[in-house]
Amino acid sequence: MGEERHYPTQCTSEYCGAIKSDPDCIKCEGRARLDEFEAWAKRTGALPVDPIWCPLIYRVPEAKA
């Protein structure tokens, strides 16, 4: 099984992190964690385990040999 991480819980409210230029988003104490998580997901190709039932757990797909 690939590496798993949980989407930052403090960033789960509607629109949180969606408008990166918003002053409240810029000064939010959780912004650095959200940015790091998004960079990790992009770098590793991680996807939600189940977009409907489990959208906050991301897993890196296993490489196919």
N, C-alpha and C. Protein backbone atom coordinates (compact mmCIF):
# COMPACT_ATOMS: atom_id res chain seq x y z
N MET A 1 0.84 -1.17 0.00
CA MET A 1 0.00 0.00 0.00
C MET A 1 0.89 1.24 0.00
N GLY A 2 0.46 2.29 -0.71
CA GLY A 2 1.23 3.52 -0.78
C GLY A 2 1.07 4.37 0.48
N GLU A 3 1.89 5.40 0.55
CA GLU A 3 1.85 6.33 1.68
C GLU A 3 0.50 7.04 1.75
N GLU A 4 0.00 7.25 2.96
CA GLU A 4 -1.28 7.93 3.16
C GLU A 4 -1.09 9.15 4.05
N ARG A 5 -1.87 10.18 3.76
CA ARG A 5 -1.90 11.37 4.61
C ARG A 5 -3.33 11.89 4.67
N HIS A 6 -3.61 12.60 5.74
CA HIS A 6 -4.93 13.18 5.96
C HIS A 6 -4.90 14.65 5.54
N TYR A 7 -5.90 15.06 4.75
CA TYR A 7 -6.04 16.45 4.36
C TYR A 7 -6.11 17.29 5.63
N PRO A 8 -5.47 18.46 5.67
CA PRO A 8 -5.49 19.28 6.89
C PRO A 8 -6.92 19.58 7.36
N THR A 9 -7.26 19.09 8.52
CA THR A 9 -8.62 19.20 9.04
C THR A 9 -9.09 20.64 9.16
N GLN A 10 -8.21 21.54 9.57
CA GLN A 10 -8.64 22.92 9.72
C GLN A 10 -8.98 23.57 8.37
N CYS A 11 -8.68 22.92 7.28
CA CYS A 11 -8.92 23.47 5.94
C CYS A 11 -10.11 22.80 5.25
N THR A 12 -11.02 22.24 6.01
CA THR A 12 -12.13 21.52 5.39
C THR A 12 -13.41 22.33 5.28
N SER A 13 -13.44 23.56 5.80
CA SER A 13 -14.65 24.35 5.64
C SER A 13 -14.77 24.80 4.19
N GLU A 14 -15.99 25.07 3.77
CA GLU A 14 -16.24 25.43 2.38
C GLU A 14 -15.41 26.65 1.98
N TYR A 15 -14.78 26.56 0.84
CA TYR A 15 -13.95 27.61 0.24
C TYR A 15 -12.61 27.83 0.94
N CYS A 16 -12.34 27.14 2.02
CA CYS A 16 -11.06 27.33 2.70
C CYS A 16 -9.93 26.95 1.75
N GLY A 17 -9.02 27.86 1.56
CA GLY A 17 -7.87 27.62 0.68
C GLY A 17 -8.18 27.73 -0.79
N ALA A 18 -9.46 27.95 -1.15
CA ALA A 18 -9.84 28.03 -2.56
C ALA A 18 -9.39 29.35 -3.19
N ILE A 19 -9.36 30.41 -2.40
CA ILE A 19 -8.96 31.72 -2.90
C ILE A 19 -7.67 32.08 -2.18
N LYS A 20 -6.57 31.67 -2.74
CA LYS A 20 -5.26 31.79 -2.08
C LYS A 20 -4.85 33.25 -1.84
N SER A 21 -5.42 34.18 -2.60
CA SER A 21 -5.06 35.59 -2.43
C SER A 21 -5.90 36.29 -1.37
N ASP A 22 -6.89 35.61 -0.80
CA ASP A 22 -7.73 36.21 0.23
C ASP A 22 -6.86 36.53 1.46
N PRO A 23 -6.98 37.75 1.99
CA PRO A 23 -6.16 38.12 3.16
C PRO A 23 -6.32 37.17 4.35
N ASP A 24 -7.55 36.69 4.57
CA ASP A 24 -7.75 35.76 5.69
C ASP A 24 -7.02 34.44 5.45
N CYS A 25 -6.96 34.01 4.21
CA CYS A 25 -6.24 32.76 3.87
C CYS A 25 -4.74 32.96 4.01
N ILE A 26 -4.26 34.10 3.57
CA ILE A 26 -2.82 34.38 3.63
C ILE A 26 -2.31 34.37 5.07
N LYS A 27 -3.07 34.97 5.99
CA LYS A 27 -2.60 35.06 7.38
C LYS A 27 -3.06 33.90 8.27
N CYS A 28 -3.78 32.95 7.71
CA CYS A 28 -4.27 31.81 8.47
C CYS A 28 -3.10 30.97 8.99
N GLU A 29 -3.20 30.54 10.24
CA GLU A 29 -2.12 29.73 10.82
C GLU A 29 -2.01 28.36 10.18
N GLY A 30 -3.06 27.88 9.51
CA GLY A 30 -3.03 26.57 8.85
C GLY A 30 -2.57 26.63 7.41
N ARG A 31 -2.31 27.82 6.89
CA ARG A 31 -1.95 27.98 5.47
C ARG A 31 -0.69 27.22 5.11
N ALA A 32 0.34 27.29 5.93
CA ALA A 32 1.60 26.60 5.62
C ALA A 32 1.37 25.09 5.53
N ARG A 33 0.56 24.56 6.43
CA ARG A 33 0.27 23.11 6.41
C ARG A 33 -0.51 22.73 5.16
N LEU A 34 -1.48 23.56 4.76
CA LEU A 34 -2.25 23.29 3.54
C LEU A 34 -1.33 23.34 2.32
N ASP A 35 -0.48 24.36 2.23
CA ASP A 35 0.45 24.47 1.09
C ASP A 35 1.38 23.27 1.02
N GLU A 36 1.89 22.83 2.18
CA GLU A 36 2.79 21.68 2.21
C GLU A 36 2.06 20.41 1.77
N PHE A 37 0.81 20.24 2.24
CA PHE A 37 0.03 19.06 1.86
C PHE A 37 -0.22 19.06 0.36
N GLU A 38 -0.63 20.20 -0.19
CA GLU A 38 -0.91 20.27 -1.63
C GLU A 38 0.35 20.01 -2.45
N ALA A 39 1.50 20.49 -2.00
CA ALA A 39 2.76 20.22 -2.69
C ALA A 39 3.09 18.73 -2.65
N TRP A 40 2.87 18.10 -1.49
CA TRP A 40 3.10 16.66 -1.36
C TRP A 40 2.20 15.88 -2.31
N ALA A 41 0.91 16.23 -2.34
CA ALA A 41 -0.03 15.52 -3.20
C ALA A 41 0.35 15.66 -4.68
N LYS A 42 0.75 16.85 -5.06
CA LYS A 42 1.15 17.08 -6.45
C LYS A 42 2.44 16.32 -6.78
N ARG A 43 3.41 16.39 -5.87
CA ARG A 43 4.72 15.75 -6.08
C ARG A 43 4.60 14.22 -6.18
N THR A 44 3.72 13.65 -5.36
CA THR A 44 3.63 12.19 -5.29
C THR A 44 2.49 11.61 -6.14
N GLY A 45 1.59 12.47 -6.61
CA GLY A 45 0.43 11.99 -7.38
C GLY A 45 -0.64 11.39 -6.47
N ALA A 46 -0.61 11.76 -5.19
CA ALA A 46 -1.59 11.23 -4.24
C ALA A 46 -3.01 11.65 -4.62
N LEU A 47 -3.94 10.74 -4.39
CA LEU A 47 -5.35 10.97 -4.70
C LEU A 47 -6.20 10.57 -3.50
N PRO A 48 -7.43 11.12 -3.41
CA PRO A 48 -8.32 10.68 -2.33
C PRO A 48 -8.57 9.17 -2.42
N VAL A 49 -8.60 8.50 -1.28
CA VAL A 49 -8.86 7.06 -1.25
C VAL A 49 -10.21 6.77 -1.91
N ASP A 50 -11.21 7.54 -1.57
CA ASP A 50 -12.54 7.44 -2.16
C ASP A 50 -13.14 8.84 -2.16
N PRO A 51 -13.27 9.47 -3.34
CA PRO A 51 -13.72 10.85 -3.40
C PRO A 51 -15.11 11.10 -2.79
N ILE A 52 -15.93 10.09 -2.71
CA ILE A 52 -17.28 10.25 -2.16
C ILE A 52 -17.30 9.97 -0.66
N TRP A 53 -16.82 8.79 -0.25
CA TRP A 53 -16.95 8.35 1.13
C TRP A 53 -15.76 8.69 2.02
N CYS A 54 -14.63 8.92 1.42
CA CYS A 54 -13.43 9.19 2.23
C CYS A 54 -12.55 10.22 1.51
N PRO A 55 -13.08 11.45 1.31
CA PRO A 55 -12.34 12.43 0.52
C PRO A 55 -11.16 13.09 1.22
N LEU A 56 -10.98 12.86 2.51
CA LEU A 56 -9.91 13.53 3.24
C LEU A 56 -8.65 12.69 3.41
N ILE A 57 -8.72 11.41 3.09
CA ILE A 57 -7.54 10.55 3.17
C ILE A 57 -6.97 10.41 1.76
N TYR A 58 -5.74 10.82 1.61
CA TYR A 58 -5.06 10.74 0.30
C TYR A 58 -4.03 9.63 0.35
N ARG A 59 -3.90 8.94 -0.75
CA ARG A 59 -2.94 7.83 -0.85
C ARG A 59 -2.13 7.97 -2.11
N VAL A 60 -0.84 7.70 -1.98
CA VAL A 60 0.05 7.67 -3.14
C VAL A 60 -0.16 6.33 -3.83
N PRO A 61 -0.50 6.36 -5.13
CA PRO A 61 -0.67 5.09 -5.85
C PRO A 61 0.63 4.29 -5.88
N GLU A 62 0.49 3.00 -5.80
CA GLU A 62 1.68 2.13 -5.89
C GLU A 62 2.15 2.10 -7.34
N ALA A 63 3.46 2.06 -7.50
CA ALA A 63 4.04 1.97 -8.83
C ALA A 63 3.75 0.57 -9.39
N LYS A 64 3.36 0.54 -10.65
CA LYS A 64 3.11 -0.76 -11.29
C LYS A 64 4.37 -1.25 -11.96
N ALA A 65 4.77 -2.43 -11.59
CA ALA A 65 6.02 -2.98 -12.14
C ALA A 65 5.77 -3.67 -13.45
